Amino acid sequence: MTAYSVTVSNSNIGIGVTATNHVVTIENNDYAIALSRTGGQGSKGDSITDISLNESDDIIITVSNSAGDVVGAYNLGPLGGVASLDSLSDTNLAGITDGQGILYDSATSKYIPHTFAITSLADVDNTAVTDGAVLIYDGVNYVATPTIIGGTF
């Protein structure tokens, strides 16, 4: 709102204008879902009593017992954004390149980049591999065989 003032002095009339600053404050609304118990809860009686978002947009689940006491609050992670393999705690994709896949590494307990080759297969014996060799299954493994003489194929 603007304030006006009028002054009269001798034969002079003055009009003064004072601008008023307007401030608009926008507040974020917190949204929450409240759940009520329905049906049997089993002998323990714990159930989800609240689902909400914190200031980082993480989904927070609150679990209460049958007496209404909170027994745990669990952060399920962010609501927004795009999920990616690299965001998983058991995945390390550092240095991954085109054409690679991921393979579980028991030493680090993580999925890591891997270039797949025939040597990656557990049931392939490459000890006799030479130019022109073929793989022949011997009942247990695929064996690199440099020459094929006779037999049924």
C-alpha atoms as a PDB file:
ATOM      1  CA  MET A   1       0.000   0.000   0.000  1.00  0.00           C
ATOM      2  CA  THR A   2       1.283   3.461  -0.836  1.00  0.00           C
ATOM      3  CA  ALA A   3       0.909   6.341   1.644  1.00  0.00           C
ATOM      4  CA  TYR A   4       0.120   9.871   0.449  1.00  0.00           C
ATOM      5  CA  SER A   5       0.555  13.080   2.385  1.00  0.00           C
ATOM      6  CA  VAL A   6      -0.625  16.548   1.515  1.00  0.00           C
ATOM      7  CA  THR A   7       0.958  19.698   2.975  1.00  0.00           C
ATOM      8  CA  VAL A   8      -0.239  23.243   2.585  1.00  0.00           C
ATOM      9  CA  SER A   9       2.136  26.059   3.464  1.00  0.00           C
ATOM     10  CA  ASN A  10       1.347  29.659   2.529  1.00  0.00           C
ATOM     11  CA  SER A  11       0.354  29.403  -1.104  1.00  0.00           C
ATOM     12  CA  ASN A  12       2.216  26.127  -1.758  1.00  0.00           C
ATOM     13  CA  ILE A  13       0.502  22.754  -1.856  1.00  0.00           C
ATOM     14  CA  GLY A  14       2.780  19.718  -1.644  1.00  0.00           C
ATOM     15  CA  ILE A  15       1.930  16.096  -2.228  1.00  0.00           C
ATOM     16  CA  GLY A  16       4.261  13.497  -0.797  1.00  0.00           C
ATOM     17  CA  VAL A  17       4.212   9.873  -1.792  1.00  0.00           C
ATOM     18  CA  THR A  18       5.776   7.162   0.330  1.00  0.00           C
ATOM     19  CA  ALA A  19       6.009   3.741  -1.247  1.00  0.00           C
ATOM     20  CA  THR A  20       5.406   0.776   0.971  1.00  0.00           C
ATOM     21  CA  ASN A  21       7.392  -2.358   0.296  1.00  0.00           C
ATOM     22  CA  HIS A  22       5.342  -5.478  -0.043  1.00  0.00           C
ATOM     23  CA  VAL A  23       6.923  -8.740   0.982  1.00  0.00           C
ATOM     24  CA  VAL A  24       5.506 -12.079  -0.054  1.00  0.00           C
ATOM     25  CA  THR A  25       6.695 -15.056   1.934  1.00  0.00           C
ATOM     26  CA  ILE A  26       6.155 -18.512   0.515  1.00  0.00           C
ATOM     27  CA  GLU A  27       6.358 -21.341   2.970  1.00  0.00           C
ATOM     28  CA  ASN A  28       6.825 -24.978   2.080  1.00  0.00           C
ATOM     29  CA  ASN A  29       3.975 -27.152   3.212  1.00  0.00           C
ATOM     30  CA  ASP A  30       4.936 -30.386   4.909  1.00  0.00           C
ATOM     31  CA  TYR A  31       2.892 -33.304   3.745  1.00  0.00           C
ATOM     32  CA  ALA A  32       2.457 -36.378   5.863  1.00  0.00           C
ATOM     33  CA  ILE A  33       0.406 -39.524   5.688  1.00  0.00           C
ATOM     34  CA  ALA A  34      -1.038 -40.802   8.923  1.00  0.00           C
ATOM     35  CA  LEU A  35      -2.022 -44.450   9.075  1.00  0.00           C
ATOM     36  CA  SER A  36      -4.427 -46.100  11.463  1.00  0.00           C
ATOM     37  CA  ARG A  37      -4.562 -49.715  12.514  1.00  0.00           C
ATOM     38  CA  THR A  38      -7.073 -51.993  10.885  1.00  0.00           C
ATOM     39  CA  GLY A  39      -7.488 -55.700  11.371  1.00  0.00           C
ATOM     40  CA  GLY A  40      -5.302 -57.979  13.491  1.00  0.00           C
ATOM     41  CA  GLN A  41      -1.740 -56.928  14.202  1.00  0.00           C
ATOM     42  CA  GLY A  42      -0.354 -60.248  15.399  1.00  0.00           C
ATOM     43  CA  SER A  43       1.215 -60.781  18.792  1.00  0.00           C
ATOM     44  CA  LYS A  44       3.803 -58.002  18.551  1.00  0.00           C
ATOM     45  CA  GLY A  45       1.494 -55.324  17.177  1.00  0.00           C
ATOM     46  CA  ASP A  46       4.143 -53.099  15.537  1.00  0.00           C
ATOM     47  CA  SER A  47       2.941 -51.186  12.519  1.00  0.00           C
ATOM     48  CA  ILE A  48       3.725 -48.151  10.403  1.00  0.00           C
ATOM     49  CA  THR A  49       2.221 -45.097  12.061  1.00  0.00           C
ATOM     50  CA  ASP A  50       3.651 -42.291   9.935  1.00  0.00           C
ATOM     51  CA  ILE A  51       5.175 -41.702   6.509  1.00  0.00           C
ATOM     52  CA  SER A  52       6.683 -38.278   5.871  1.00  0.00           C
ATOM     53  CA  LEU A  53       9.307 -36.398   3.874  1.00  0.00           C
ATOM     54  CA  ASN A  54      12.192 -34.632   5.593  1.00  0.00           C
ATOM     55  CA  GLU A  55      13.894 -31.434   4.369  1.00  0.00           C
ATOM     56  CA  SER A  56      16.026 -33.471   1.910  1.00  0.00           C
ATOM     57  CA  ASP A  57      12.957 -35.182   0.403  1.00  0.00           C
ATOM     58  CA  ASP A  58      13.900 -38.483   2.051  1.00  0.00           C
ATOM     59  CA  ILE A  59      10.975 -40.781   2.837  1.00  0.00           C
ATOM     60  CA  ILE A  60      10.822 -41.397   6.595  1.00  0.00           C
ATOM     61  CA  ILE A  61       8.767 -44.325   7.936  1.00  0.00           C
ATOM     62  CA  THR A  62       7.874 -44.388  11.637  1.00  0.00           C
ATOM     63  CA  VAL A  63       6.956 -47.689  13.288  1.00  0.00           C
ATOM     64  CA  SER A  64       5.112 -47.814  16.615  1.00  0.00           C
ATOM     65  CA  ASN A  65       4.161 -50.659  18.924  1.00  0.00           C
ATOM     66  CA  SER A  66       0.643 -51.508  20.097  1.00  0.00           C
ATOM     67  CA  ALA A  67       1.002 -49.058  23.020  1.00  0.00           C
ATOM     68  CA  GLY A  68       1.706 -46.216  20.584  1.00  0.00           C
ATOM     69  CA  ASP A  69       5.410 -45.907  21.452  1.00  0.00           C
ATOM     70  CA  VAL A  70       7.767 -45.295  18.535  1.00  0.00           C
ATOM     71  CA  VAL A  71      10.035 -48.332  18.118  1.00  0.00           C
ATOM     72  CA  GLY A  72      11.879 -47.168  15.003  1.00  0.00           C
ATOM     73  CA  ALA A  73      12.184 -44.527  12.329  1.00  0.00           C
ATOM     74  CA  TYR A  74      13.610 -45.583   8.983  1.00  0.00           C
ATOM     75  CA  ASN A  75      15.011 -43.388   6.226  1.00  0.00           C
ATOM     76  CA  LEU A  76      14.071 -44.985   2.888  1.00  0.00           C
ATOM     77  CA  GLY A  77      16.068 -42.474   0.872  1.00  0.00           C
ATOM     78  CA  PRO A  78      15.071 -39.685  -1.456  1.00  0.00           C
ATOM     79  CA  LEU A  79      11.715 -39.492  -3.150  1.00  0.00           C
ATOM     80  CA  GLY A  80      12.851 -37.546  -6.192  1.00  0.00           C
ATOM     81  CA  GLY A  81      15.619 -38.091  -8.681  1.00  0.00           C
ATOM     82  CA  VAL A  82      16.457 -40.921 -10.978  1.00  0.00           C
ATOM     83  CA  ALA A  83      17.625 -44.252  -9.646  1.00  0.00           C
ATOM     84  CA  SER A  84      20.889 -45.484 -11.095  1.00  0.00           C
ATOM     85  CA  LEU A  85      23.019 -48.579 -10.614  1.00  0.00           C
ATOM     86  CA  ASP A  86      25.865 -46.459  -9.267  1.00  0.00           C
ATOM     87  CA  SER A  87      23.646 -45.162  -6.447  1.00  0.00           C
ATOM     88  CA  LEU A  88      23.318 -48.682  -5.001  1.00  0.00           C
ATOM     89  CA  SER A  89      25.524 -49.293  -1.955  1.00  0.00           C
ATOM     90  CA  ASP A  90      26.838 -52.626  -3.285  1.00  0.00           C
ATOM     91  CA  THR A  91      27.861 -51.267  -6.702  1.00  0.00           C
ATOM     92  CA  ASN A  92      31.099 -49.526  -7.722  1.00  0.00           C
ATOM     93  CA  LEU A  93      31.030 -48.506 -11.376  1.00  0.00           C
ATOM     94  CA  ALA A  94      34.146 -46.297 -11.272  1.00  0.00           C
ATOM     95  CA  GLY A  95      35.978 -46.513 -14.601  1.00  0.00           C
ATOM     96  CA  ILE A  96      33.260 -48.407 -16.494  1.00  0.00           C
ATOM     97  CA  THR A  97      33.632 -48.166 -20.286  1.00  0.00           C
ATOM     98  CA  ASP A  98      31.506 -48.943 -23.338  1.00  0.00           C
ATOM     99  CA  GLY A  99      30.900 -52.648 -23.863  1.00  0.00           C
ATOM    100  CA  GLN A 100      31.529 -53.664 -20.260  1.00  0.00           C
ATOM    101  CA  GLY A 101      29.066 -55.401 -17.987  1.00  0.00           C
ATOM    102  CA  ILE A 102      29.036 -55.718 -14.233  1.00  0.00           C
ATOM    103  CA  LEU A 103      30.220 -58.725 -12.268  1.00  0.00           C
ATOM    104  CA  TYR A 104      30.000 -59.469  -8.537  1.00  0.00           C
ATOM    105  CA  ASP A 105      33.364 -59.307  -6.761  1.00  0.00           C
ATOM    106  CA  SER A 106      33.263 -61.288  -3.501  1.00  0.00           C
ATOM    107  CA  ALA A 107      36.511 -59.655  -2.291  1.00  0.00           C
ATOM    108  CA  THR A 108      34.831 -56.228  -2.130  1.00  0.00           C
ATOM    109  CA  SER A 109      31.215 -57.448  -1.858  1.00  0.00           C
ATOM    110  CA  LYS A 110      30.335 -55.134  -4.728  1.00  0.00           C
ATOM    111  CA  TYR A 111      29.305 -55.311  -8.367  1.00  0.00           C
ATOM    112  CA  ILE A 112      32.152 -53.885 -10.456  1.00  0.00           C
ATOM    113  CA  PRO A 113      32.865 -53.206 -14.160  1.00  0.00           C
ATOM    114  CA  HIS A 114      34.070 -56.239 -16.111  1.00  0.00           C
ATOM    115  CA  THR A 115      35.045 -56.943 -19.691  1.00  0.00           C
ATOM    116  CA  PHE A 116      33.562 -60.316 -20.487  1.00  0.00           C
ATOM    117  CA  ALA A 117      35.628 -62.787 -22.471  1.00  0.00           C
ATOM    118  CA  ILE A 118      35.492 -66.516 -22.986  1.00  0.00           C
ATOM    119  CA  THR A 119      38.106 -66.831 -20.224  1.00  0.00           C
ATOM    120  CA  SER A 120      35.473 -65.440 -17.810  1.00  0.00           C
ATOM    121  CA  LEU A 121      33.438 -68.647 -18.115  1.00  0.00           C
ATOM    122  CA  ALA A 122      34.018 -71.207 -15.364  1.00  0.00           C
ATOM    123  CA  ASP A 123      33.487 -74.283 -17.569  1.00  0.00           C
ATOM    124  CA  VAL A 124      35.897 -73.356 -20.384  1.00  0.00           C
ATOM    125  CA  ASP A 125      39.423 -74.798 -20.514  1.00  0.00           C
ATOM    126  CA  ASN A 126      41.639 -72.522 -22.604  1.00  0.00           C
ATOM    127  CA  THR A 127      44.968 -74.215 -21.891  1.00  0.00           C
ATOM    128  CA  ALA A 128      45.411 -75.514 -25.458  1.00  0.00           C
ATOM    129  CA  VAL A 129      43.979 -72.503 -27.287  1.00  0.00           C
ATOM    130  CA  THR A 130      45.685 -71.661 -30.604  1.00  0.00           C
ATOM    131  CA  ASP A 131      44.674 -69.932 -33.805  1.00  0.00           C
ATOM    132  CA  GLY A 132      41.796 -71.813 -35.404  1.00  0.00           C
ATOM    133  CA  ALA A 133      40.941 -73.826 -32.276  1.00  0.00           C
ATOM    134  CA  VAL A 134      37.325 -74.704 -31.521  1.00  0.00           C
ATOM    135  CA  LEU A 135      35.569 -75.460 -28.250  1.00  0.00           C
ATOM    136  CA  ILE A 136      34.362 -79.022 -27.814  1.00  0.00           C
ATOM    137  CA  TYR A 137      32.364 -80.129 -24.784  1.00  0.00           C
ATOM    138  CA  ASP A 138      33.982 -83.134 -23.079  1.00  0.00           C
ATOM    139  CA  GLY A 139      31.115 -83.848 -20.683  1.00  0.00           C
ATOM    140  CA  VAL A 140      32.476 -81.528 -17.982  1.00  0.00           C
ATOM    141  CA  ASN A 141      34.050 -78.514 -19.693  1.00  0.00           C
ATOM    142  CA  TYR A 142      34.349 -76.862 -23.050  1.00  0.00           C
ATOM    143  CA  VAL A 143      37.917 -77.586 -24.138  1.00  0.00           C
ATOM    144  CA  ALA A 144      39.897 -75.603 -26.718  1.00  0.00           C
ATOM    145  CA  THR A 145      40.814 -78.141 -29.383  1.00  0.00           C
ATOM    146  CA  PRO A 146      43.359 -77.053 -31.991  1.00  0.00           C
ATOM    147  CA  THR A 147      42.496 -79.724 -34.579  1.00  0.00           C
ATOM    148  CA  ILE A 148      39.444 -81.810 -35.271  1.00  0.00           C
ATOM    149  CA  ILE A 149      40.058 -85.262 -36.629  1.00  0.00           C
ATOM    150  CA  GLY A 150      37.055 -87.451 -37.335  1.00  0.00           C
ATOM    151  CA  GLY A 151      34.187 -87.869 -34.851  1.00  0.00           C
ATOM    152  CA  THR A 152      30.584 -86.885 -34.839  1.00  0.00           C
ATOM    153  CA  PHE A 153      29.667 -83.194 -34.788  1.00  0.00           C
END
